[in-house]
Amino acid sequence: ALRADIGQAPLLLLDEVAAHLDAGRRAALYDELCALSAQAFM
């Protein structure tokens, strides 16, 4: 929503983001972050 409104995604800080996510959801998360051109720190 923020990228649609201002043209840029926020900085995302995802600490131990893999916890409770299986391999499929981890891959899906990374795909979505890249599609957003989001600068995520994991």
ModelCIF file with pLDDT and N, C-alpha, C, O atoms, coordinates in Angstrom:
data_MODEL
#
_entry.id   MODEL 
#
_entity.id                         1 
_entity.type                       polymer 
_entity.pdbx_number_of_molecules   1 
#
_entity_poly.entity_id                      1 
_entity_poly.type                           'polypeptide(L)' 
_entity_poly.nstd_linkage                   no 
_entity_poly.nstd_monomer                   no 
_entity_poly.pdbx_seq_one_letter_code       ALRADIGQAPLLLLDEVAAHLDAGRRAALYDELCALSAQAFM 
_entity_poly.pdbx_seq_one_letter_code_can   ALRADIGQAPLLLLDEVAAHLDAGRRAALYDELCALSAQAFM 
_entity_poly.pdbx_strand_id                 A 
#
loop_
_entity_poly_seq.entity_id 
_entity_poly_seq.num 
_entity_poly_seq.mon_id 
_entity_poly_seq.hetero 
1 1  ALA n 
1 2  LEU n 
1 3  ARG n 
1 4  ALA n 
1 5  ASP n 
1 6  ILE n 
1 7  GLY n 
1 8  GLN n 
1 9  ALA n 
1 10 PRO n 
1 11 LEU n 
1 12 LEU n 
1 13 LEU n 
1 14 LEU n 
1 15 ASP n 
1 16 GLU n 
1 17 VAL n 
1 18 ALA n 
1 19 ALA n 
1 20 HIS n 
1 21 LEU n 
1 22 ASP n 
1 23 ALA n 
1 24 GLY n 
1 25 ARG n 
1 26 ARG n 
1 27 ALA n 
1 28 ALA n 
1 29 LEU n 
1 30 TYR n 
1 31 ASP n 
1 32 GLU n 
1 33 LEU n 
1 34 CYS n 
1 35 ALA n 
1 36 LEU n 
1 37 SER n 
1 38 ALA n 
1 39 GLN n 
1 40 ALA n 
1 41 PHE n 
1 42 MET n 
#
_struct_asym.id          A 
_struct_asym.entity_id   1 
#
loop_
_ma_qa_metric.id 
_ma_qa_metric.mode 
_ma_qa_metric.name 
_ma_qa_metric.software_group_id 
_ma_qa_metric.type 
1 global pLDDT . pLDDT 
2 local  pLDDT . pLDDT 
#
_ma_qa_metric_global.metric_id      1 
_ma_qa_metric_global.metric_value   92.86 
_ma_qa_metric_global.model_id       1 
_ma_qa_metric_global.ordinal_id     1 
#
loop_
_ma_qa_metric_local.label_asym_id 
_ma_qa_metric_local.label_comp_id 
_ma_qa_metric_local.label_seq_id 
_ma_qa_metric_local.metric_id 
_ma_qa_metric_local.metric_value 
_ma_qa_metric_local.model_id 
_ma_qa_metric_local.ordinal_id 
A ALA 1  2 95.00 1 1  
A LEU 2  2 95.00 1 2  
A ARG 3  2 95.00 1 3  
A ALA 4  2 93.00 1 4  
A ASP 5  2 93.00 1 5  
A ILE 6  2 93.00 1 6  
A GLY 7  2 93.00 1 7  
A GLN 8  2 92.00 1 8  
A ALA 9  2 94.00 1 9  
A PRO 10 2 96.00 1 10 
A LEU 11 2 97.00 1 11 
A LEU 12 2 98.00 1 12 
A LEU 13 2 98.00 1 13 
A LEU 14 2 97.00 1 14 
A ASP 15 2 97.00 1 15 
A GLU 16 2 95.00 1 16 
A VAL 17 2 90.00 1 17 
A ALA 18 2 82.00 1 18 
A ALA 19 2 75.00 1 19 
A HIS 20 2 75.00 1 20 
A LEU 21 2 84.00 1 21 
A ASP 22 2 87.00 1 22 
A ALA 23 2 90.00 1 23 
A GLY 24 2 90.00 1 24 
A ARG 25 2 90.00 1 25 
A ARG 26 2 93.00 1 26 
A ALA 27 2 94.00 1 27 
A ALA 28 2 93.00 1 28 
A LEU 29 2 95.00 1 29 
A TYR 30 2 96.00 1 30 
A ASP 31 2 95.00 1 31 
A GLU 32 2 94.00 1 32 
A LEU 33 2 96.00 1 33 
A CYS 34 2 95.00 1 34 
A ALA 35 2 94.00 1 35 
A LEU 36 2 93.00 1 36 
A SER 37 2 94.00 1 37 
A ALA 38 2 94.00 1 38 
A GLN 39 2 97.00 1 39 
A ALA 40 2 98.00 1 40 
A PHE 41 2 98.00 1 41 
A MET 42 2 97.00 1 42 
#
loop_
_atom_site.group_PDB 
_atom_site.id 
_atom_site.type_symbol 
_atom_site.label_atom_id 
_atom_site.label_alt_id 
_atom_site.label_comp_id 
_atom_site.label_asym_id 
_atom_site.label_entity_id 
_atom_site.label_seq_id 
_atom_site.pdbx_PDB_ins_code 
_atom_site.Cartn_x 
_atom_site.Cartn_y 
_atom_site.Cartn_z 
_atom_site.occupancy 
_atom_site.B_iso_or_equiv 
_atom_site.pdbx_formal_charge 
_atom_site.auth_seq_id 
_atom_site.auth_comp_id 
_atom_site.auth_asym_id 
_atom_site.auth_atom_id 
_atom_site.pdbx_PDB_model_num 
ATOM 1   N N  . ALA A 1 1  ? 0.827  -1.209  0.000  1.00 95.00 ? 1  ALA A N  1 
ATOM 2   C CA . ALA A 1 1  ? 0.000  0.000   0.000  1.00 95.00 ? 1  ALA A CA 1 
ATOM 3   C C  . ALA A 1 1  ? 0.858  1.254   0.000  1.00 95.00 ? 1  ALA A C  1 
ATOM 4   O O  . ALA A 1 1  ? 0.545  2.220   -0.697 1.00 95.00 ? 1  ALA A O  1 
ATOM 5   N N  . LEU A 1 2  ? 1.931  1.250   0.770  1.00 95.00 ? 2  LEU A N  1 
ATOM 6   C CA . LEU A 1 2  ? 2.795  2.429   0.833  1.00 95.00 ? 2  LEU A CA 1 
ATOM 7   C C  . LEU A 1 2  ? 3.513  2.638   -0.494 1.00 95.00 ? 2  LEU A C  1 
ATOM 8   O O  . LEU A 1 2  ? 3.663  3.769   -0.955 1.00 95.00 ? 2  LEU A O  1 
ATOM 9   N N  . ARG A 1 3  ? 3.956  1.543   -1.105 1.00 95.00 ? 3  ARG A N  1 
ATOM 10  C CA . ARG A 1 3  ? 4.617  1.667   -2.406 1.00 95.00 ? 3  ARG A CA 1 
ATOM 11  C C  . ARG A 1 3  ? 3.649  2.228   -3.448 1.00 95.00 ? 3  ARG A C  1 
ATOM 12  O O  . ARG A 1 3  ? 4.051  3.025   -4.296 1.00 95.00 ? 3  ARG A O  1 
ATOM 13  N N  . ALA A 1 4  ? 2.379  1.823   -3.394 1.00 93.00 ? 4  ALA A N  1 
ATOM 14  C CA . ALA A 1 4  ? 1.384  2.346   -4.330 1.00 93.00 ? 4  ALA A CA 1 
ATOM 15  C C  . ALA A 1 4  ? 1.115  3.826   -4.083 1.00 93.00 ? 4  ALA A C  1 
ATOM 16  O O  . ALA A 1 4  ? 0.850  4.577   -5.021 1.00 93.00 ? 4  ALA A O  1 
ATOM 17  N N  . ASP A 1 5  ? 1.181  4.244   -2.825 1.00 93.00 ? 5  ASP A N  1 
ATOM 18  C CA . ASP A 1 5  ? 0.841  5.621   -2.473 1.00 93.00 ? 5  ASP A CA 1 
ATOM 19  C C  . ASP A 1 5  ? 1.982  6.601   -2.699 1.00 93.00 ? 5  ASP A C  1 
ATOM 20  O O  . ASP A 1 5  ? 1.765  7.706   -3.197 1.00 93.00 ? 5  ASP A O  1 
ATOM 21  N N  . ILE A 1 6  ? 3.204  6.199   -2.334 1.00 93.00 ? 6  ILE A N  1 
ATOM 22  C CA . ILE A 1 6  ? 4.326  7.146   -2.412 1.00 93.00 ? 6  ILE A CA 1 
ATOM 23  C C  . ILE A 1 6  ? 5.433  6.692   -3.350 1.00 93.00 ? 6  ILE A C  1 
ATOM 24  O O  . ILE A 1 6  ? 6.427  7.396   -3.528 1.00 93.00 ? 6  ILE A O  1 
ATOM 25  N N  . GLY A 1 7  ? 5.262  5.511   -3.954 1.00 93.00 ? 7  GLY A N  1 
ATOM 26  C CA . GLY A 1 7  ? 6.248  5.043   -4.915 1.00 93.00 ? 7  GLY A CA 1 
ATOM 27  C C  . GLY A 1 7  ? 7.422  4.312   -4.324 1.00 93.00 ? 7  GLY A C  1 
ATOM 28  O O  . GLY A 1 7  ? 8.374  3.994   -5.036 1.00 93.00 ? 7  GLY A O  1 
ATOM 29  N N  . GLN A 1 8  ? 7.376  4.034   -3.022 1.00 92.00 ? 8  GLN A N  1 
ATOM 30  C CA . GLN A 1 8  ? 8.510  3.374   -2.375 1.00 92.00 ? 8  GLN A CA 1 
ATOM 31  C C  . GLN A 1 8  ? 8.021  2.587   -1.176 1.00 92.00 ? 8  GLN A C  1 
ATOM 32  O O  . GLN A 1 8  ? 7.223  3.078   -0.378 1.00 92.00 ? 8  GLN A O  1 
ATOM 33  N N  . ALA A 1 9  ? 8.511  1.355   -1.056 1.00 94.00 ? 9  ALA A N  1 
ATOM 34  C CA . ALA A 1 9  ? 8.175  0.539   0.111  1.00 94.00 ? 9  ALA A CA 1 
ATOM 35  C C  . ALA A 1 9  ? 8.991  1.005   1.313  1.00 94.00 ? 9  ALA A C  1 
ATOM 36  O O  . ALA A 1 9  ? 10.060 1.590   1.138  1.00 94.00 ? 9  ALA A O  1 
ATOM 37  N N  . PRO A 1 10 ? 8.509  0.759   2.524  1.00 96.00 ? 10 PRO A N  1 
ATOM 38  C CA . PRO A 1 10 ? 9.290  1.127   3.700  1.00 96.00 ? 10 PRO A CA 1 
ATOM 39  C C  . PRO A 1 10 ? 10.491 0.204   3.879  1.00 96.00 ? 10 PRO A C  1 
ATOM 40  O O  . PRO A 1 10 ? 10.558 -0.864  3.270  1.00 96.00 ? 10 PRO A O  1 
ATOM 41  N N  . LEU A 1 11 ? 11.432 0.616   4.711  1.00 97.00 ? 11 LEU A N  1 
ATOM 42  C CA . LEU A 1 11 ? 12.484 -0.289  5.143  1.00 97.00 ? 11 LEU A CA 1 
ATOM 43  C C  . LEU A 1 11 ? 11.840 -1.351  6.035  1.00 97.00 ? 11 LEU A C  1 
ATOM 44  O O  . LEU A 1 11 ? 11.065 -1.023  6.933  1.00 97.00 ? 11 LEU A O  1 
ATOM 45  N N  . LEU A 1 12 ? 12.156 -2.610  5.791  1.00 98.00 ? 12 LEU A N  1 
ATOM 46  C CA . LEU A 1 12 ? 11.583 -3.707  6.557  1.00 98.00 ? 12 LEU A CA 1 
ATOM 47  C C  . LEU A 1 12 ? 12.679 -4.390  7.370  1.00 98.00 ? 12 LEU A C  1 
ATOM 48  O O  . LEU A 1 12 ? 13.702 -4.798  6.820  1.00 98.00 ? 12 LEU A O  1 
ATOM 49  N N  . LEU A 1 13 ? 12.469 -4.512  8.654  1.00 98.00 ? 13 LEU A N  1 
ATOM 50  C CA . LEU A 1 13 ? 13.417 -5.153  9.561  1.00 98.00 ? 13 LEU A CA 1 
ATOM 51  C C  . LEU A 1 13 ? 12.766 -6.439  10.054 1.00 98.00 ? 13 LEU A C  1 
ATOM 52  O O  . LEU A 1 13 ? 11.821 -6.400  10.842 1.00 98.00 ? 13 LEU A O  1 
ATOM 53  N N  . LEU A 1 14 ? 13.270 -7.569  9.592  1.00 97.00 ? 14 LEU A N  1 
ATOM 54  C CA . LEU A 1 14 ? 12.646 -8.861  9.853  1.00 97.00 ? 14 LEU A CA 1 
ATOM 55  C C  . LEU A 1 14 ? 13.626 -9.741  10.622 1.00 97.00 ? 14 LEU A C  1 
ATOM 56  O O  . LEU A 1 14 ? 14.448 -10.444 10.033 1.00 97.00 ? 14 LEU A O  1 
ATOM 57  N N  . ASP A 1 15 ? 13.522 -9.689  11.939 1.00 97.00 ? 15 ASP A N  1 
ATOM 58  C CA . ASP A 1 15 ? 14.463 -10.388 12.815 1.00 97.00 ? 15 ASP A CA 1 
ATOM 59  C C  . ASP A 1 15 ? 14.037 -11.844 12.968 1.00 97.00 ? 15 ASP A C  1 
ATOM 60  O O  . ASP A 1 15 ? 12.910 -12.134 13.370 1.00 97.00 ? 15 ASP A O  1 
ATOM 61  N N  . GLU A 1 16 ? 14.954 -12.755 12.641 1.00 95.00 ? 16 GLU A N  1 
ATOM 62  C CA . GLU A 1 16 ? 14.672 -14.196 12.715 1.00 95.00 ? 16 GLU A CA 1 
ATOM 63  C C  . GLU A 1 16 ? 13.367 -14.519 11.985 1.00 95.00 ? 16 GLU A C  1 
ATOM 64  O O  . GLU A 1 16 ? 12.529 -15.266 12.491 1.00 95.00 ? 16 GLU A O  1 
ATOM 65  N N  . VAL A 1 17 ? 13.212 -13.956 10.810 1.00 90.00 ? 17 VAL A N  1 
ATOM 66  C CA . VAL A 1 17 ? 11.944 -14.069 10.098 1.00 90.00 ? 17 VAL A CA 1 
ATOM 67  C C  . VAL A 1 17 ? 11.631 -15.507 9.702  1.00 90.00 ? 17 VAL A C  1 
ATOM 68  O O  . VAL A 1 17 ? 10.465 -15.847 9.504  1.00 90.00 ? 17 VAL A O  1 
ATOM 69  N N  . ALA A 1 18 ? 12.648 -16.355 9.584  1.00 82.00 ? 18 ALA A N  1 
ATOM 70  C CA . ALA A 1 18 ? 12.404 -17.729 9.157  1.00 82.00 ? 18 ALA A CA 1 
ATOM 71  C C  . ALA A 1 18 ? 11.730 -18.572 10.229 1.00 82.00 ? 18 ALA A C  1 
ATOM 72  O O  . ALA A 1 18 ? 11.205 -19.646 9.936  1.00 82.00 ? 18 ALA A O  1 
ATOM 73  N N  . ALA A 1 19 ? 11.741 -18.095 11.467 1.00 75.00 ? 19 ALA A N  1 
ATOM 74  C CA . ALA A 1 19 ? 11.125 -18.861 12.547 1.00 75.00 ? 19 ALA A CA 1 
ATOM 75  C C  . ALA A 1 19 ? 9.639  -19.058 12.253 1.00 75.00 ? 19 ALA A C  1 
ATOM 76  O O  . ALA A 1 19 ? 8.932  -18.104 11.927 1.00 75.00 ? 19 ALA A O  1 
ATOM 77  N N  . HIS A 1 20 ? 9.174  -20.294 12.370 1.00 75.00 ? 20 HIS A N  1 
ATOM 78  C CA . HIS A 1 20 ? 7.777  -20.679 12.164 1.00 75.00 ? 20 HIS A CA 1 
ATOM 79  C C  . HIS A 1 20 ? 7.338  -20.601 10.703 1.00 75.00 ? 20 HIS A C  1 
ATOM 80  O O  . HIS A 1 20 ? 6.154  -20.772 10.414 1.00 75.00 ? 20 HIS A O  1 
ATOM 81  N N  . LEU A 1 21 ? 8.269  -20.346 9.767  1.00 84.00 ? 21 LEU A N  1 
ATOM 82  C CA . LEU A 1 21 ? 7.929  -20.381 8.349  1.00 84.00 ? 21 LEU A CA 1 
ATOM 83  C C  . LEU A 1 21 ? 8.636  -21.581 7.716  1.00 84.00 ? 21 LEU A C  1 
ATOM 84  O O  . LEU A 1 21 ? 9.842  -21.760 7.883  1.00 84.00 ? 21 LEU A O  1 
ATOM 85  N N  . ASP A 1 22 ? 7.869  -22.404 6.986  1.00 87.00 ? 22 ASP A N  1 
ATOM 86  C CA . ASP A 1 22 ? 8.501  -23.537 6.312  1.00 87.00 ? 22 ASP A CA 1 
ATOM 87  C C  . ASP A 1 22 ? 9.223  -23.042 5.059  1.00 87.00 ? 22 ASP A C  1 
ATOM 88  O O  . ASP A 1 22 ? 9.136  -21.865 4.712  1.00 87.00 ? 22 ASP A O  1 
ATOM 89  N N  . ALA A 1 23 ? 9.924  -23.930 4.392  1.00 90.00 ? 23 ALA A N  1 
ATOM 90  C CA . ALA A 1 23 ? 10.743 -23.541 3.246  1.00 90.00 ? 23 ALA A CA 1 
ATOM 91  C C  . ALA A 1 23 ? 9.902  -22.892 2.149  1.00 90.00 ? 23 ALA A C  1 
ATOM 92  O O  . ALA A 1 23 ? 10.341 -21.935 1.512  1.00 90.00 ? 23 ALA A O  1 
ATOM 93  N N  . GLY A 1 24 ? 8.692  -23.412 1.926  1.00 90.00 ? 24 GLY A N  1 
ATOM 94  C CA . GLY A 1 24 ? 7.831  -22.848 0.890  1.00 90.00 ? 24 GLY A CA 1 
ATOM 95  C C  . GLY A 1 24 ? 7.421  -21.427 1.189  1.00 90.00 ? 24 GLY A C  1 
ATOM 96  O O  . GLY A 1 24 ? 7.429  -20.573 0.303  1.00 90.00 ? 24 GLY A O  1 
ATOM 97  N N  . ARG A 1 25 ? 7.060  -21.166 2.439  1.00 90.00 ? 25 ARG A N  1 
ATOM 98  C CA . ARG A 1 25 ? 6.654  -19.801 2.799  1.00 90.00 ? 25 ARG A CA 1 
ATOM 99  C C  . ARG A 1 25 ? 7.856  -18.864 2.855  1.00 90.00 ? 25 ARG A C  1 
ATOM 100 O O  . ARG A 1 25 ? 7.727  -17.678 2.553  1.00 90.00 ? 25 ARG A O  1 
ATOM 101 N N  . ARG A 1 26 ? 9.014  -19.378 3.236  1.00 93.00 ? 26 ARG A N  1 
ATOM 102 C CA . ARG A 1 26 ? 10.209 -18.513 3.197  1.00 93.00 ? 26 ARG A CA 1 
ATOM 103 C C  . ARG A 1 26 ? 10.467 -18.064 1.763  1.00 93.00 ? 26 ARG A C  1 
ATOM 104 O O  . ARG A 1 26 ? 10.713 -16.884 1.509  1.00 93.00 ? 26 ARG A O  1 
ATOM 105 N N  . ALA A 1 27 ? 10.409 -19.013 0.825  1.00 94.00 ? 27 ALA A N  1 
ATOM 106 C CA . ALA A 1 27 ? 10.640 -18.671 -0.577 1.00 94.00 ? 27 ALA A CA 1 
ATOM 107 C C  . ALA A 1 27 ? 9.594  -17.675 -1.074 1.00 94.00 ? 27 ALA A C  1 
ATOM 108 O O  . ALA A 1 27 ? 9.916  -16.744 -1.813 1.00 94.00 ? 27 ALA A O  1 
ATOM 109 N N  . ALA A 1 28 ? 8.326  -17.879 -0.660 1.00 93.00 ? 28 ALA A N  1 
ATOM 110 C CA . ALA A 1 28 ? 7.261  -16.960 -1.077 1.00 93.00 ? 28 ALA A CA 1 
ATOM 111 C C  . ALA A 1 28 ? 7.492  -15.564 -0.513 1.00 93.00 ? 28 ALA A C  1 
ATOM 112 O O  . ALA A 1 28 ? 7.258  -14.568 -1.198 1.00 93.00 ? 28 ALA A O  1 
ATOM 113 N N  . LEU A 1 29 ? 7.950  -15.490 0.732  1.00 95.00 ? 29 LEU A N  1 
ATOM 114 C CA . LEU A 1 29 ? 8.251  -14.191 1.341  1.00 95.00 ? 29 LEU A CA 1 
ATOM 115 C C  . LEU A 1 29 ? 9.329  -13.469 0.558  1.00 95.00 ? 29 LEU A C  1 
ATOM 116 O O  . LEU A 1 29 ? 9.195  -12.284 0.255  1.00 95.00 ? 29 LEU A O  1 
ATOM 117 N N  . TYR A 1 30 ? 10.407 -14.185 0.227  1.00 96.00 ? 30 TYR A N  1 
ATOM 118 C CA . TYR A 1 30 ? 11.515 -13.555 -0.500 1.00 96.00 ? 30 TYR A CA 1 
ATOM 119 C C  . TYR A 1 30 ? 11.055 -13.085 -1.883 1.00 96.00 ? 30 TYR A C  1 
ATOM 120 O O  . TYR A 1 30 ? 11.460 -12.022 -2.354 1.00 96.00 ? 30 TYR A O  1 
ATOM 121 N N  . ASP A 1 31 ? 10.207 -13.890 -2.523 1.00 95.00 ? 31 ASP A N  1 
ATOM 122 C CA . ASP A 1 31 ? 9.698  -13.493 -3.839 1.00 95.00 ? 31 ASP A CA 1 
ATOM 123 C C  . ASP A 1 31 ? 8.886  -12.199 -3.735 1.00 95.00 ? 31 ASP A C  1 
ATOM 124 O O  . ASP A 1 31 ? 9.015  -11.309 -4.576 1.00 95.00 ? 31 ASP A O  1 
ATOM 125 N N  . GLU A 1 32 ? 8.054  -12.101 -2.705 1.00 94.00 ? 32 GLU A N  1 
ATOM 126 C CA . GLU A 1 32 ? 7.220  -10.906 -2.560 1.00 94.00 ? 32 GLU A CA 1 
ATOM 127 C C  . GLU A 1 32 ? 8.063  -9.680  -2.228 1.00 94.00 ? 32 GLU A C  1 
ATOM 128 O O  . GLU A 1 32 ? 7.791  -8.587  -2.724 1.00 94.00 ? 32 GLU A O  1 
ATOM 129 N N  . LEU A 1 33 ? 9.075  -9.852  -1.402 1.00 96.00 ? 33 LEU A N  1 
ATOM 130 C CA . LEU A 1 33 ? 9.948  -8.728  -1.070 1.00 96.00 ? 33 LEU A CA 1 
ATOM 131 C C  . LEU A 1 33 ? 10.660 -8.212  -2.317 1.00 96.00 ? 33 LEU A C  1 
ATOM 132 O O  . LEU A 1 33 ? 10.774 -7.003  -2.519 1.00 96.00 ? 33 LEU A O  1 
ATOM 133 N N  . CYS A 1 34 ? 11.127 -9.116  -3.134 1.00 95.00 ? 34 CYS A N  1 
ATOM 134 C CA . CYS A 1 34 ? 11.821 -8.709  -4.357 1.00 95.00 ? 34 CYS A CA 1 
ATOM 135 C C  . CYS A 1 34 ? 10.853 -8.066  -5.350 1.00 95.00 ? 34 CYS A C  1 
ATOM 136 O O  . CYS A 1 34 ? 11.210 -7.101  -6.025 1.00 95.00 ? 34 CYS A O  1 
ATOM 137 N N  . ALA A 1 35 ? 9.634  -8.594  -5.444 1.00 94.00 ? 35 ALA A N  1 
ATOM 138 C CA . ALA A 1 35 ? 8.645  -8.007  -6.347 1.00 94.00 ? 35 ALA A CA 1 
ATOM 139 C C  . ALA A 1 35 ? 8.299  -6.585  -5.930 1.00 94.00 ? 35 ALA A C  1 
ATOM 140 O O  . ALA A 1 35 ? 7.981  -5.746  -6.773 1.00 94.00 ? 35 ALA A O  1 
ATOM 141 N N  . LEU A 1 36 ? 8.361  -6.313  -4.625 1.00 93.00 ? 36 LEU A N  1 
ATOM 142 C CA . LEU A 1 36 ? 8.087  -4.983  -4.099 1.00 93.00 ? 36 LEU A CA 1 
ATOM 143 C C  . LEU A 1 36 ? 9.278  -4.031  -4.227 1.00 93.00 ? 36 LEU A C  1 
ATOM 144 O O  . LEU A 1 36 ? 9.155  -2.831  -3.982 1.00 93.00 ? 36 LEU A O  1 
ATOM 145 N N  . SER A 1 37 ? 10.432 -4.585  -4.614 1.00 94.00 ? 37 SER A N  1 
ATOM 146 C CA . SER A 1 37 ? 11.683 -3.817  -4.571 1.00 94.00 ? 37 SER A CA 1 
ATOM 147 C C  . SER A 1 37 ? 11.899 -3.249  -3.174 1.00 94.00 ? 37 SER A C  1 
ATOM 148 O O  . SER A 1 37 ? 12.380 -2.128  -3.013 1.00 94.00 ? 37 SER A O  1 
ATOM 149 N N  . ALA A 1 38 ? 11.536 -4.042  -2.166 1.00 94.00 ? 38 ALA A N  1 
ATOM 150 C CA . ALA A 1 38 ? 11.653 -3.601  -0.779 1.00 94.00 ? 38 ALA A CA 1 
ATOM 151 C C  . ALA A 1 38 ? 13.065 -3.865  -0.268 1.00 94.00 ? 38 ALA A C  1 
ATOM 152 O O  . ALA A 1 38 ? 13.636 -4.929  -0.509 1.00 94.00 ? 38 ALA A O  1 
ATOM 153 N N  . GLN A 1 39 ? 13.619 -2.886  0.436  1.00 97.00 ? 39 GLN A N  1 
ATOM 154 C CA . GLN A 1 39 ? 14.901 -3.085  1.085  1.00 97.00 ? 39 GLN A CA 1 
ATOM 155 C C  . GLN A 1 39 ? 14.621 -3.675  2.465  1.00 97.00 ? 39 GLN A C  1 
ATOM 156 O O  . GLN A 1 39 ? 14.309 -2.967  3.423  1.00 97.00 ? 39 GLN A O  1 
ATOM 157 N N  . ALA A 1 40 ? 14.743 -4.990  2.525  1.00 98.00 ? 40 ALA A N  1 
ATOM 158 C CA . ALA A 1 40 ? 14.447 -5.715  3.753  1.00 98.00 ? 40 ALA A CA 1 
ATOM 159 C C  . ALA A 1 40 ? 15.742 -6.199  4.378  1.00 98.00 ? 40 ALA A C  1 
ATOM 160 O O  . ALA A 1 40 ? 16.626 -6.703  3.684  1.00 98.00 ? 40 ALA A O  1 
ATOM 161 N N  . PHE A 1 41 ? 15.850 -6.047  5.680  1.00 98.00 ? 41 PHE A N  1 
ATOM 162 C CA . PHE A 1 41 ? 17.014 -6.502  6.426  1.00 98.00 ? 41 PHE A CA 1 
ATOM 163 C C  . PHE A 1 41 ? 16.554 -7.671  7.285  1.00 98.00 ? 41 PHE A C  1 
ATOM 164 O O  . PHE A 1 41 ? 15.736 -7.510  8.190  1.00 98.00 ? 41 PHE A O  1 
ATOM 165 N N  . MET A 1 42 ? 17.098 -8.863  6.985  1.00 97.00 ? 42 MET A N  1 
ATOM 166 C CA . MET A 1 42 ? 16.647 -10.091 7.616  1.00 97.00 ? 42 MET A CA 1 
ATOM 167 C C  . MET A 1 42 ? 17.786 -10.771 8.350  1.00 97.00 ? 42 MET A C  1 
ATOM 168 O O  . MET A 1 42 ? 17.591 -11.830 8.948  1.00 97.00 ? 42 MET A O  1 
#
